[in-house]
Amino acid sequence: MNANAQPQTKPRSWPALYQAISDFYRSGGEPAGLENLQSQAEQLAQAILAQAEQSPYSLLAQLQLSAEQAPFATLVAMRQACLLLVLSYQQQWPEKLRIQLLSTALLGLLAVAEPLNRLSAEQRSNSKLLHLAARYSLARYNQQLPAYSRHWLQQCHPKAANLPYWQQNPFSSALALSYQLASRLCLSANAGLLLKLQSLFWRQLDPYSQHHLSTLASTGPTLWRCGQRLQSAGQCYLVLDQQDDCWLLLPLQSDRLQGPVQAVTELVEPEHQLQSRFSDWGWLEQIDKACAAELIPQLWPEQSTASPLNYADIEALCALPQPELLQQLEQNPTDTQLLLEAASQANRSKQAIGQLKHALLLLGSSQLPWLLAQSQCLQFAQQQQQPFNLWLLQLRRMLHLALRKTETNLPAAQTELLSWLLCLPLWQQGALRYLPGLTPAGCQHLQQLCRRQIWQSNEFLKRLQWLCHHYQLPPALQKALLYFRLPDSAHAQPATVRLYSQQLHQAYTQCDQLMLQPAPPTQLTEQADAALLALCYYPLPSMM
């Protein structure tokens, strides 16, 4: 293949992929190839994705098996791609987003790939080229990079950590974390992925990185076992999977695979040999055959559906005698945490409440259904797997504070439940998954989409009405939902309906001006409540 030309055919095997990535990095710096950088990176991303979908277990094996004679940067790129795909499958990101992330990861190494390949192992570990790869690629190829890659790589820079956590880009965090893990795996041949994950858990990471790290860990032992070689009772094996005490193994003899997949439940404590190097691609072919023959269980979760919102279940739970109620609540960590936090805030001594029984006595039975409804909404929102979950949570907090400032005369727990119900339909917007991120341009798309939903969408309004009716909010408040967009249109309604419509309009408007516009007017920031401004941090700085 001509190094300066766009490839005409996609690589259709792992050896071809390794070779294509190596060729991409060798030709990337040549002037004639600059025009095709984006298309070549996207084509490679599509090929990686196709190979991964054909055999997810051989994808994970790339984290353990090291292809002999593969350049260092190619190994880093392949392992980063594997980790990004694990995140994307577990969090159910759309295919278009997967391709954009993979191509951005490939481009992020482009400026330093060949220089890194020429360094010794000791020189690489201390090199700025390795630790600031995205910054070098941005500086050299800024004009050739697609807009989404520029924005994501800009926020991979350490300065992006100074942004409020809800403004940080979830996809930049995924790129930065996967690159950090991939480069460490390639630098340390004697330490596996599990040790790398464990070491990162002890660090102070931003919330998005913590979420991504937990997502990787939730994949289970398959992530850090698949592709390992082990020896037990004199027999060598290639590990495909480990679930509890059951191991799925391919027997080895003289580094050659022997026989079909074996499920072993009684395995003498094995001696692991990490970072196996290989030149026989037959290992991966055997893994592919095991997948094709359905000898290995499905790796990625099915498309998940959120638990139903059911207020009747909450009412039935609250009617239980206290011993049974306590037992049921303790089985749900989200319920327990929310109740303990609510009790701690309500405690006059301002001391943290650590026992659920004490929390229930302090809160009383009247607030319990509304608090459990908040927990139900929180869990429903988390199950939507929205990449911009933290941004939406910040919007919900701001709306709650705005509602409190309007003095709705609702009990405190019911006011907070109302803030959840007024935002919950935004979590159900599939279009949010396709936005490129919290960038100067991407944030405007996010803001515009939310504004259209709140002020124009009939479907959004229908969902609000259903939610407020389902959770038995006051009838006057339910009716006010018909008028909050134009509160003057409620002039013929009872006074309580008019008041609620005005309060809802005021709360939504404050959130609109403080979070859903590129920057709030100076007059507003001078007049707005300090507590509301504390939740808002504008204008959005661009990381250049």
Protein backbone atom coordinates (compact mmCIF):
# COMPACT_ATOMS: atom_id res chain seq x y z
CA MET A 1 0.00 0.00 0.00
CA ASN A 2 1.20 3.48 -0.85
CA ALA A 3 2.02 5.16 2.44
CA ASN A 4 0.62 8.47 1.25
CA ALA A 5 -2.64 7.18 -0.15
CA GLN A 6 -5.87 6.39 1.57
CA PRO A 7 -6.22 2.62 1.99
CA GLN A 8 -8.69 1.12 -0.46
CA THR A 9 -9.54 -1.98 1.57
CA LYS A 10 -10.03 -2.39 5.28
CA PRO A 11 -7.71 -4.80 7.13
CA ARG A 12 -9.70 -7.91 7.95
CA SER A 13 -7.50 -9.67 10.51
CA TRP A 14 -5.52 -8.76 13.61
CA PRO A 15 -2.11 -9.03 11.83
CA ALA A 16 -3.39 -6.75 9.07
CA LEU A 17 -4.67 -4.27 11.66
CA TYR A 18 -1.32 -4.10 13.45
CA GLN A 19 0.41 -3.56 10.13
CA ALA A 20 -2.09 -0.91 9.01
CA ILE A 21 -1.69 1.06 12.26
CA SER A 22 2.10 0.90 11.97
CA ASP A 23 1.91 2.11 8.35
CA PHE A 24 -0.44 4.93 9.39
CA TYR A 25 2.05 6.22 11.94
CA ARG A 26 5.00 5.90 9.57
CA SER A 27 3.26 7.87 6.82
CA GLY A 28 1.40 10.39 8.98
CA GLY A 29 4.16 12.97 9.05
CA GLU A 30 4.65 13.09 5.29
CA PRO A 31 3.14 16.19 3.63
CA ALA A 32 1.33 14.20 0.96
CA GLY A 33 -0.56 12.23 3.60
CA LEU A 34 -1.85 15.14 5.67
CA GLU A 35 -5.02 15.64 3.66
CA ASN A 36 -6.17 12.08 4.36
CA LEU A 37 -5.43 11.87 8.09
CA GLN A 38 -9.05 11.96 9.22
CA SER A 39 -10.33 9.52 6.61
CA GLN A 40 -7.48 7.07 7.26
CA ALA A 41 -8.00 7.21 11.02
CA GLU A 42 -11.75 6.69 10.66
CA GLN A 43 -11.19 3.77 8.28
CA LEU A 44 -8.82 2.13 10.76
CA ALA A 45 -11.36 2.75 13.54
CA GLN A 46 -14.07 1.02 11.50
CA ALA A 47 -11.75 -1.95 10.91
CA ILE A 48 -10.95 -2.27 14.63
CA LEU A 49 -14.64 -2.08 15.48
CA ALA A 50 -15.53 -4.73 12.88
CA GLN A 51 -12.84 -7.08 14.18
CA ALA A 52 -13.94 -6.52 17.79
CA GLU A 53 -17.57 -7.28 17.01
CA GLN A 54 -16.55 -10.45 15.23
CA SER A 55 -14.65 -11.72 18.28
CA PRO A 56 -14.79 -9.69 21.50
CA TYR A 57 -12.60 -12.18 23.38
CA SER A 58 -9.73 -11.85 20.91
CA LEU A 59 -10.15 -8.08 21.36
CA LEU A 60 -9.53 -8.42 25.11
CA ALA A 61 -6.61 -10.75 24.45
CA GLN A 62 -4.77 -7.78 22.92
CA LEU A 63 -4.39 -6.40 26.45
CA GLN A 64 -2.28 -9.40 27.44
CA LEU A 65 -0.75 -10.76 24.26
CA SER A 66 2.03 -8.71 22.69
CA ALA A 67 2.60 -9.20 19.00
CA GLU A 68 6.30 -9.75 18.33
CA GLN A 69 8.02 -7.03 16.30
CA ALA A 70 5.03 -4.67 16.69
CA PRO A 71 6.26 -1.10 17.30
CA PHE A 72 5.68 0.35 20.76
CA ALA A 73 3.23 3.03 19.58
CA THR A 74 1.18 0.44 17.69
CA LEU A 75 0.85 -1.65 20.85
CA VAL A 76 -0.26 1.42 22.83
CA ALA A 77 -2.79 2.36 20.15
CA MET A 78 -4.27 -1.13 19.99
CA ARG A 79 -4.59 -1.44 23.75
CA GLN A 80 -6.14 1.99 24.06
CA ALA A 81 -8.63 1.00 21.37
CA CYS A 82 -9.49 -2.16 23.31
CA LEU A 83 -10.14 -0.22 26.52
CA LEU A 84 -12.23 2.41 24.71
CA LEU A 85 -14.35 -0.30 23.14
CA VAL A 86 -14.92 -1.97 26.51
CA LEU A 87 -16.16 1.38 27.86
CA SER A 88 -18.35 1.97 24.84
CA TYR A 89 -19.94 -1.48 24.95
CA GLN A 90 -20.56 -1.40 28.69
CA GLN A 91 -22.03 2.11 28.54
CA GLN A 92 -23.91 1.40 25.30
CA TRP A 93 -22.52 4.31 23.31
CA PRO A 94 -23.66 4.44 19.66
CA GLU A 95 -21.47 3.15 16.83
CA LYS A 96 -20.82 6.60 15.39
CA LEU A 97 -19.39 7.71 18.73
CA ARG A 98 -17.20 4.59 18.97
CA ILE A 99 -15.65 5.32 15.58
CA GLN A 100 -15.01 8.96 16.51
CA LEU A 101 -13.34 7.94 19.79
CA LEU A 102 -11.15 5.28 18.16
CA SER A 103 -10.05 7.60 15.35
CA THR A 104 -9.29 10.37 17.86
CA ALA A 105 -7.19 7.98 19.93
CA LEU A 106 -5.20 7.01 16.84
CA LEU A 107 -4.69 10.66 15.90
CA GLY A 108 -3.67 11.56 19.44
CA LEU A 109 -0.52 9.45 19.11
CA LEU A 110 0.34 10.50 15.59
CA ALA A 111 2.91 13.22 16.32
CA VAL A 112 4.92 11.11 18.79
CA ALA A 113 4.52 7.56 17.47
CA GLU A 114 7.69 7.27 15.42
CA PRO A 115 9.91 9.19 17.92
CA LEU A 116 8.64 6.91 20.73
CA ASN A 117 9.37 3.82 18.66
CA ARG A 118 13.02 4.90 18.38
CA LEU A 119 13.49 5.37 22.15
CA SER A 120 14.65 2.72 24.57
CA ALA A 121 12.23 1.43 27.21
CA GLU A 122 13.91 3.51 29.93
CA GLN A 123 13.84 6.65 27.81
CA ARG A 124 10.14 6.21 27.00
CA SER A 125 9.03 5.99 30.63
CA ASN A 126 10.49 9.45 31.36
CA SER A 127 9.71 11.07 28.02
CA LYS A 128 7.33 14.02 27.65
CA LEU A 129 6.48 12.59 24.25
CA LEU A 130 4.68 9.72 25.98
CA HIS A 131 2.95 11.69 28.72
CA LEU A 132 1.90 14.67 26.56
CA ALA A 133 1.19 12.87 23.29
CA ALA A 134 -2.18 14.57 22.72
CA ARG A 135 -0.66 18.00 23.22
CA TYR A 136 2.08 17.36 20.64
CA SER A 137 -0.44 16.01 18.10
CA LEU A 138 -2.68 19.04 18.61
CA ALA A 139 0.21 21.41 18.05
CA ARG A 140 1.39 19.67 14.89
CA TYR A 141 -1.88 18.61 13.24
CA ASN A 142 -4.39 21.12 14.59
CA GLN A 143 -5.62 22.16 11.13
CA GLN A 144 -5.97 18.58 9.87
CA LEU A 145 -7.85 17.18 12.89
CA PRO A 146 -11.66 16.99 12.78
CA ALA A 147 -13.43 19.38 15.16
CA TYR A 148 -14.53 16.66 17.59
CA SER A 149 -10.95 15.31 17.87
CA ARG A 150 -9.54 18.79 18.53
CA HIS A 151 -12.02 19.46 21.30
CA TRP A 152 -11.59 16.08 22.95
CA LEU A 153 -7.80 16.18 22.82
CA GLN A 154 -7.77 19.74 24.17
CA GLN A 155 -9.57 18.60 27.29
CA CYS A 156 -7.22 15.64 27.73
CA HIS A 157 -4.68 18.29 28.73
CA PRO A 158 -4.06 18.46 32.53
CA LYS A 159 -5.37 22.04 32.64
CA ALA A 160 -8.84 20.71 31.81
CA ALA A 161 -8.97 19.22 35.32
CA ASN A 162 -9.40 22.78 36.61
CA LEU A 163 -12.89 22.89 35.10
CA PRO A 164 -15.83 22.15 37.41
CA TYR A 165 -16.44 18.41 37.29
CA TRP A 166 -19.83 18.79 35.56
CA GLN A 167 -18.20 20.74 32.72
CA GLN A 168 -15.50 18.17 32.09
CA ASN A 169 -15.90 16.18 28.93
CA PRO A 170 -16.81 12.51 29.52
CA PHE A 171 -15.21 11.46 26.24
CA SER A 172 -11.97 13.33 26.95
CA SER A 173 -11.85 11.55 30.31
CA ALA A 174 -12.34 8.21 28.54
CA LEU A 175 -9.52 9.00 26.10
CA ALA A 176 -7.15 10.17 28.85
CA LEU A 177 -7.82 7.20 31.16
CA SER A 178 -7.59 4.58 28.40
CA TYR A 179 -4.32 6.11 27.14
CA GLN A 180 -2.85 6.16 30.63
CA LEU A 181 -3.70 2.49 31.18
CA ALA A 182 -2.55 1.41 27.71
CA SER A 183 0.81 3.17 27.93
CA ARG A 184 1.44 1.75 31.40
CA LEU A 185 0.65 -1.76 30.20
CA CYS A 186 3.17 -1.40 27.39
CA LEU A 187 5.84 0.09 29.67
CA SER A 188 5.57 -2.52 32.44
CA ALA A 189 5.82 -6.01 31.03
CA ASN A 190 5.65 -7.63 34.47
CA ALA A 191 2.47 -5.98 35.80
CA GLY A 192 -0.95 -6.79 34.45
CA LEU A 193 -4.08 -4.75 33.95
CA LEU A 194 -5.58 -5.68 37.31
CA LEU A 195 -2.67 -4.10 39.17
CA LYS A 196 -2.96 -0.97 37.02
CA LEU A 197 -6.67 -0.67 37.79
CA GLN A 198 -6.06 -1.18 41.49
CA SER A 199 -3.37 1.51 41.60
CA LEU A 200 -5.64 4.05 39.87
CA PHE A 201 -8.48 3.37 42.31
CA TRP A 202 -6.35 4.91 45.06
CA ARG A 203 -5.83 8.15 43.16
CA GLN A 204 -7.94 11.29 43.24
CA LEU A 205 -9.67 11.15 39.86
CA ASP A 206 -12.42 13.34 38.46
CA PRO A 207 -15.95 11.85 38.66
CA TYR A 208 -16.03 10.88 34.99
CA SER A 209 -12.71 9.02 35.25
CA GLN A 210 -13.93 7.28 38.41
CA HIS A 211 -17.04 6.21 36.53
CA HIS A 212 -15.01 4.92 33.59
CA LEU A 213 -12.67 3.05 35.93
CA SER A 214 -15.61 1.42 37.70
CA THR A 215 -17.07 0.48 34.32
CA LEU A 216 -13.84 -1.28 33.33
CA ALA A 217 -13.70 -3.10 36.66
CA SER A 218 -17.34 -4.18 36.31
CA THR A 219 -16.37 -6.21 33.23
CA GLY A 220 -14.88 -8.64 35.74
CA PRO A 221 -11.95 -11.04 35.53
CA THR A 222 -12.46 -11.51 31.78
CA LEU A 223 -10.89 -8.09 31.24
CA TRP A 224 -7.59 -8.90 32.93
CA ARG A 225 -7.55 -12.70 32.44
CA CYS A 226 -8.33 -13.18 28.74
CA GLY A 227 -5.08 -13.86 26.90
CA GLN A 228 -3.01 -14.76 29.97
CA ARG A 229 -0.92 -17.90 29.94
CA LEU A 230 -0.86 -19.98 33.10
CA GLN A 231 0.62 -23.22 34.29
CA SER A 232 -1.19 -25.59 36.62
CA ALA A 233 -0.09 -29.07 37.62
CA GLY A 234 2.43 -29.18 34.77
CA GLN A 235 -0.11 -28.22 32.11
CA CYS A 236 -0.02 -24.88 30.26
CA TYR A 237 -3.19 -23.05 29.28
CA LEU A 238 -4.33 -19.91 27.52
CA VAL A 239 -7.08 -18.25 29.61
CA LEU A 240 -10.24 -17.10 27.85
CA ASP A 241 -12.42 -16.31 30.84
CA GLN A 242 -12.82 -16.75 34.57
CA GLN A 243 -16.15 -16.52 36.34
CA ASP A 244 -16.09 -17.40 40.03
CA ASP A 245 -14.40 -20.82 40.25
CA CYS A 246 -14.91 -21.73 36.59
CA TRP A 247 -12.09 -21.19 34.13
CA LEU A 248 -12.47 -21.38 30.35
CA LEU A 249 -9.11 -22.52 29.02
CA LEU A 250 -7.37 -23.52 25.81
CA PRO A 251 -4.64 -26.12 26.56
CA LEU A 252 -1.14 -25.36 25.28
CA GLN A 253 1.78 -27.60 24.47
CA SER A 254 5.08 -26.07 23.38
CA ASP A 255 3.26 -22.77 22.83
CA ARG A 256 0.81 -24.43 20.46
CA LEU A 257 -2.90 -24.77 21.12
CA GLN A 258 -4.12 -28.30 21.72
CA GLY A 259 -7.76 -29.35 21.66
CA PRO A 260 -11.04 -27.47 22.21
CA VAL A 261 -12.03 -25.07 24.99
CA GLN A 262 -12.11 -26.65 28.43
CA ALA A 263 -14.26 -25.54 31.38
CA VAL A 264 -12.22 -26.27 34.51
CA THR A 265 -13.68 -25.85 38.00
CA GLU A 266 -10.88 -27.41 40.05
CA LEU A 267 -7.67 -25.69 39.12
CA VAL A 268 -4.54 -25.85 41.22
CA GLU A 269 -3.42 -22.29 42.09
CA PRO A 270 -1.86 -21.23 38.79
CA GLU A 271 1.37 -19.44 38.08
CA HIS A 272 0.48 -16.62 35.70
CA GLN A 273 2.79 -15.52 32.92
CA LEU A 274 1.71 -12.03 31.98
CA GLN A 275 2.30 -10.07 28.78
CA SER A 276 2.79 -13.18 26.64
CA ARG A 277 4.62 -12.39 23.42
CA PHE A 278 3.68 -14.34 20.36
CA SER A 279 4.30 -14.66 16.67
CA ASP A 280 1.74 -17.38 16.00
CA TRP A 281 -1.55 -15.65 15.19
CA GLY A 282 -3.22 -19.04 15.45
CA TRP A 283 -3.83 -18.28 19.13
CA LEU A 284 -6.24 -15.53 18.22
CA GLU A 285 -7.77 -17.67 15.47
CA GLN A 286 -8.59 -20.34 18.06
CA ILE A 287 -10.24 -17.73 20.25
CA ASP A 288 -12.25 -16.57 17.25
CA LYS A 289 -13.33 -20.17 16.53
CA ALA A 290 -14.42 -20.63 20.15
CA CYS A 291 -16.54 -17.50 19.87
CA ALA A 292 -18.04 -18.59 16.56
CA ALA A 293 -18.94 -21.99 18.00
CA GLU A 294 -20.59 -20.27 20.99
CA LEU A 295 -18.28 -22.09 23.40
CA ILE A 296 -17.78 -18.82 25.28
CA PRO A 297 -20.60 -16.87 26.94
CA GLN A 298 -21.70 -13.51 25.58
CA LEU A 299 -19.32 -10.83 26.82
CA TRP A 300 -21.16 -7.52 26.53
CA PRO A 301 -24.49 -6.75 28.20
CA GLU A 302 -27.69 -6.70 26.22
CA GLN A 303 -29.32 -3.34 25.56
CA SER A 304 -30.48 -2.46 29.07
CA THR A 305 -33.88 -1.13 30.00
CA ALA A 306 -34.43 1.08 33.00
CA SER A 307 -36.43 -0.14 35.97
CA PRO A 308 -40.01 1.13 35.79
CA LEU A 309 -41.01 4.18 37.78
CA ASN A 310 -43.59 2.75 40.16
CA TYR A 311 -44.93 4.86 43.01
CA ALA A 312 -47.25 2.02 44.08
CA ASP A 313 -44.18 -0.01 45.06
CA ILE A 314 -43.00 2.87 47.23
CA GLU A 315 -46.39 3.13 48.96
CA ALA A 316 -46.41 -0.62 49.61
CA LEU A 317 -42.85 -0.41 50.99
CA CYS A 318 -43.70 2.45 53.34
CA ALA A 319 -46.69 0.49 54.70
CA LEU A 320 -44.45 -2.32 56.00
CA PRO A 321 -43.72 -2.67 59.73
CA GLN A 322 -40.43 -0.98 60.59
CA PRO A 323 -38.32 -4.17 60.96
CA GLU A 324 -39.37 -5.32 57.48
CA LEU A 325 -39.01 -1.80 56.10
CA LEU A 326 -35.45 -1.57 57.42
CA GLN A 327 -34.57 -4.94 55.95
CA GLN A 328 -35.90 -3.95 52.53
CA LEU A 329 -34.22 -0.52 52.50
CA GLU A 330 -30.82 -1.92 53.52
CA GLN A 331 -30.83 -4.06 50.36
CA ASN A 332 -30.80 -0.92 48.20
CA PRO A 333 -27.60 1.15 48.67
CA THR A 334 -29.06 4.14 46.78
CA ASP A 335 -32.10 4.31 49.08
CA THR A 336 -29.89 3.96 52.15
CA GLN A 337 -27.44 6.66 51.10
CA LEU A 338 -30.16 9.15 50.19
CA LEU A 339 -32.02 8.64 53.47
CA LEU A 340 -28.84 9.00 55.54
CA GLU A 341 -27.92 12.21 53.71
CA ALA A 342 -31.42 13.63 54.14
CA ALA A 343 -31.41 12.80 57.85
CA SER A 344 -27.97 14.36 58.30
CA GLN A 345 -29.19 17.59 56.69
CA ALA A 346 -32.30 17.61 58.86
CA ASN A 347 -30.33 16.94 62.05
CA ARG A 348 -30.21 20.12 64.12
CA SER A 349 -26.82 19.21 65.57
CA LYS A 350 -25.49 18.95 61.97
CA GLN A 351 -23.86 15.63 62.81
CA ALA A 352 -23.79 12.92 60.16
CA ILE A 353 -26.31 10.15 60.68
CA GLY A 354 -24.80 6.72 60.16
CA GLN A 355 -27.63 4.34 61.07
CA LEU A 356 -30.69 3.84 58.90
CA LYS A 357 -32.97 3.21 61.88
CA HIS A 358 -31.95 6.54 63.38
CA ALA A 359 -32.49 8.24 60.01
CA LEU A 360 -36.06 6.92 59.72
CA LEU A 361 -36.94 8.14 63.22
CA LEU A 362 -35.52 11.58 62.45
CA LEU A 363 -37.22 11.95 59.08
CA GLY A 364 -40.63 10.62 60.05
CA SER A 365 -43.09 8.67 57.94
CA SER A 366 -44.58 11.62 56.05
CA GLN A 367 -41.41 12.43 54.07
CA LEU A 368 -40.38 8.84 53.40
CA PRO A 369 -42.43 8.28 50.19
CA TRP A 370 -41.08 11.48 48.60
CA LEU A 371 -37.50 10.63 49.54
CA LEU A 372 -37.81 7.11 48.14
CA ALA A 373 -39.35 8.58 45.00
CA GLN A 374 -36.23 10.76 44.62
CA SER A 375 -34.09 7.64 44.93
CA GLN A 376 -36.22 5.90 42.31
CA CYS A 377 -35.76 8.85 39.93
CA LEU A 378 -32.00 8.90 40.55
CA GLN A 379 -31.67 5.20 39.77
CA PHE A 380 -33.83 5.60 36.66
CA ALA A 381 -31.61 8.46 35.47
CA GLN A 382 -28.42 6.45 36.03
CA GLN A 383 -29.85 3.52 34.08
CA GLN A 384 -30.26 5.73 31.01
CA GLN A 385 -26.45 5.55 30.56
CA GLN A 386 -26.28 9.17 29.45
CA PRO A 387 -22.69 10.30 28.79
CA PHE A 388 -23.64 13.77 30.07
CA ASN A 389 -25.12 12.47 33.31
CA LEU A 390 -23.08 14.84 35.51
CA TRP A 391 -24.14 17.87 33.47
CA LEU A 392 -27.80 16.87 33.78
CA LEU A 393 -27.39 16.32 37.53
CA GLN A 394 -26.00 19.85 37.81
CA LEU A 395 -29.02 21.20 35.95
CA ARG A 396 -31.29 19.30 38.35
CA ARG A 397 -29.49 20.79 41.36
CA MET A 398 -29.85 24.28 39.97
CA LEU A 399 -33.55 23.76 39.27
CA HIS A 400 -34.08 22.49 42.81
CA LEU A 401 -32.43 25.58 44.28
CA ALA A 402 -34.45 27.84 41.94
CA LEU A 403 -37.67 26.15 43.09
CA ARG A 404 -36.73 26.69 46.72
CA LYS A 405 -36.14 30.39 46.03
CA THR A 406 -39.65 30.71 44.54
CA GLU A 407 -41.17 29.45 47.83
CA THR A 408 -43.59 26.91 46.37
CA ASN A 409 -45.00 26.10 49.85
CA LEU A 410 -44.39 22.42 49.16
CA PRO A 411 -42.62 20.32 51.82
CA ALA A 412 -38.85 20.25 51.30
CA ALA A 413 -38.72 16.61 50.22
CA GLN A 414 -41.58 17.11 47.76
CA THR A 415 -39.90 20.21 46.30
CA GLU A 416 -36.76 18.19 45.61
CA LEU A 417 -38.84 15.41 44.08
CA LEU A 418 -40.46 18.03 41.82
CA SER A 419 -37.00 19.13 40.60
CA TRP A 420 -36.30 15.52 39.63
CA LEU A 421 -39.58 15.17 37.76
CA LEU A 422 -39.05 18.43 35.88
CA CYS A 423 -35.67 17.23 34.56
CA LEU A 424 -36.13 13.48 34.21
CA PRO A 425 -37.42 13.54 30.60
CA LEU A 426 -34.08 15.08 29.55
CA TRP A 427 -32.29 11.87 30.57
CA GLN A 428 -34.49 9.98 28.10
CA GLN A 429 -33.32 12.04 25.11
CA GLY A 430 -31.43 9.70 22.81
CA ALA A 431 -30.05 12.67 20.87
CA LEU A 432 -27.79 13.56 23.81
CA ARG A 433 -25.71 10.45 23.08
CA TYR A 434 -24.63 11.87 19.72
CA LEU A 435 -23.35 15.23 20.94
CA PRO A 436 -19.57 15.61 20.70
CA GLY A 437 -19.12 16.96 24.19
CA LEU A 438 -18.86 19.96 26.43
CA THR A 439 -16.90 22.09 24.05
CA PRO A 440 -17.68 25.66 23.04
CA ALA A 441 -19.64 24.26 20.10
CA GLY A 442 -20.78 21.00 21.66
CA CYS A 443 -22.11 22.70 24.75
CA GLN A 444 -24.26 24.96 22.61
CA HIS A 445 -25.81 21.90 20.99
CA LEU A 446 -26.46 20.42 24.42
CA GLN A 447 -27.99 23.65 25.66
CA GLN A 448 -30.12 24.13 22.56
CA LEU A 449 -31.46 20.59 22.73
CA CYS A 450 -32.46 21.02 26.38
CA ARG A 451 -34.03 24.42 25.73
CA ARG A 452 -36.12 23.03 22.88
CA GLN A 453 -37.34 20.22 25.09
CA ILE A 454 -38.28 22.47 27.99
CA TRP A 455 -39.95 25.29 26.04
CA GLN A 456 -41.23 23.68 22.82
CA SER A 457 -41.55 19.88 22.94
CA ASN A 458 -45.07 18.49 23.36
CA GLU A 459 -43.62 15.07 24.18
CA PHE A 460 -41.57 16.60 27.01
CA LEU A 461 -44.72 18.24 28.39
CA LYS A 462 -46.68 14.97 28.24
CA ARG A 463 -43.95 13.19 30.18
CA LEU A 464 -43.93 15.92 32.81
CA GLN A 465 -47.69 15.59 33.23
CA TRP A 466 -47.47 11.82 33.54
CA LEU A 467 -44.64 11.97 36.08
CA CYS A 468 -46.32 14.56 38.31
CA HIS A 469 -49.60 12.65 38.19
CA HIS A 470 -47.87 9.32 38.85
CA TYR A 471 -46.08 10.66 41.94
CA GLN A 472 -49.28 12.31 43.19
CA LEU A 473 -48.15 15.93 43.27
CA PRO A 474 -50.88 18.49 44.08
CA PRO A 475 -53.57 18.69 41.35
CA ALA A 476 -53.10 22.46 41.01
CA LEU A 477 -49.40 21.90 40.28
CA GLN A 478 -50.22 19.24 37.71
CA LYS A 479 -52.58 21.64 35.95
CA ALA A 480 -49.99 24.44 36.10
CA LEU A 481 -47.76 22.37 33.81
CA LEU A 482 -50.09 23.32 30.96
CA TYR A 483 -49.33 27.00 31.47
CA PHE A 484 -45.76 27.36 32.77
CA ARG A 485 -44.37 28.21 29.31
CA LEU A 486 -46.79 31.17 29.05
CA PRO A 487 -47.97 31.85 32.61
CA ASP A 488 -50.19 34.76 31.50
CA SER A 489 -52.37 32.23 29.67
CA ALA A 490 -53.48 30.89 33.08
CA HIS A 491 -55.36 34.10 33.89
CA ALA A 492 -58.72 32.27 33.98
CA GLN A 493 -57.43 29.51 36.28
CA PRO A 494 -57.66 29.40 40.09
CA ALA A 495 -55.08 31.43 42.00
CA THR A 496 -53.04 28.36 43.05
CA VAL A 497 -52.71 27.23 39.42
CA ARG A 498 -51.62 30.72 38.35
CA LEU A 499 -49.09 30.87 41.19
CA TYR A 500 -47.61 27.46 40.41
CA SER A 501 -47.36 28.28 36.69
CA GLN A 502 -45.48 31.50 37.49
CA GLN A 503 -43.14 29.71 39.91
CA LEU A 504 -42.37 26.94 37.42
CA HIS A 505 -41.76 29.53 34.69
CA GLN A 506 -39.43 31.50 36.97
CA ALA A 507 -37.43 28.42 38.01
CA TYR A 508 -37.04 27.14 34.46
CA THR A 509 -36.12 30.63 33.23
CA GLN A 510 -33.36 31.01 35.81
CA CYS A 511 -31.89 27.66 34.78
CA ASP A 512 -32.24 28.63 31.14
CA GLN A 513 -30.34 31.87 31.63
CA LEU A 514 -27.65 30.40 33.89
CA MET A 515 -27.02 27.02 32.24
CA LEU A 516 -28.73 26.80 28.87
CA GLN A 517 -27.27 29.88 27.21
CA PRO A 518 -23.63 30.38 26.16
CA ALA A 519 -23.18 32.94 28.95
CA PRO A 520 -25.68 34.69 31.24
CA PRO A 521 -26.30 38.42 30.79
CA THR A 522 -24.21 40.69 33.02
CA GLN A 523 -27.36 42.19 34.51
CA LEU A 524 -28.58 38.74 35.51
CA THR A 525 -25.30 37.75 37.16
CA GLU A 526 -25.38 40.96 39.16
CA GLN A 527 -28.93 40.37 40.35
CA ALA A 528 -29.11 36.60 40.66
CA ASP A 529 -28.92 34.84 43.98
CA ALA A 530 -25.35 34.02 45.04
CA ALA A 531 -26.29 30.39 45.74
CA LEU A 532 -27.55 29.97 42.18
CA LEU A 533 -24.44 31.56 40.73
CA ALA A 534 -22.31 29.16 42.78
CA LEU A 535 -23.81 26.28 40.77
CA CYS A 536 -23.14 28.07 37.50
CA TYR A 537 -19.66 28.64 36.11
CA TYR A 538 -19.60 30.69 32.93
CA PRO A 539 -18.40 31.55 30.42
CA LEU A 540 -17.18 28.10 29.45
CA PRO A 541 -13.40 28.35 29.02
CA SER A 542 -12.00 26.75 25.88
CA MET A 543 -8.88 24.70 26.45
CA MET A 544 -6.42 25.89 23.83
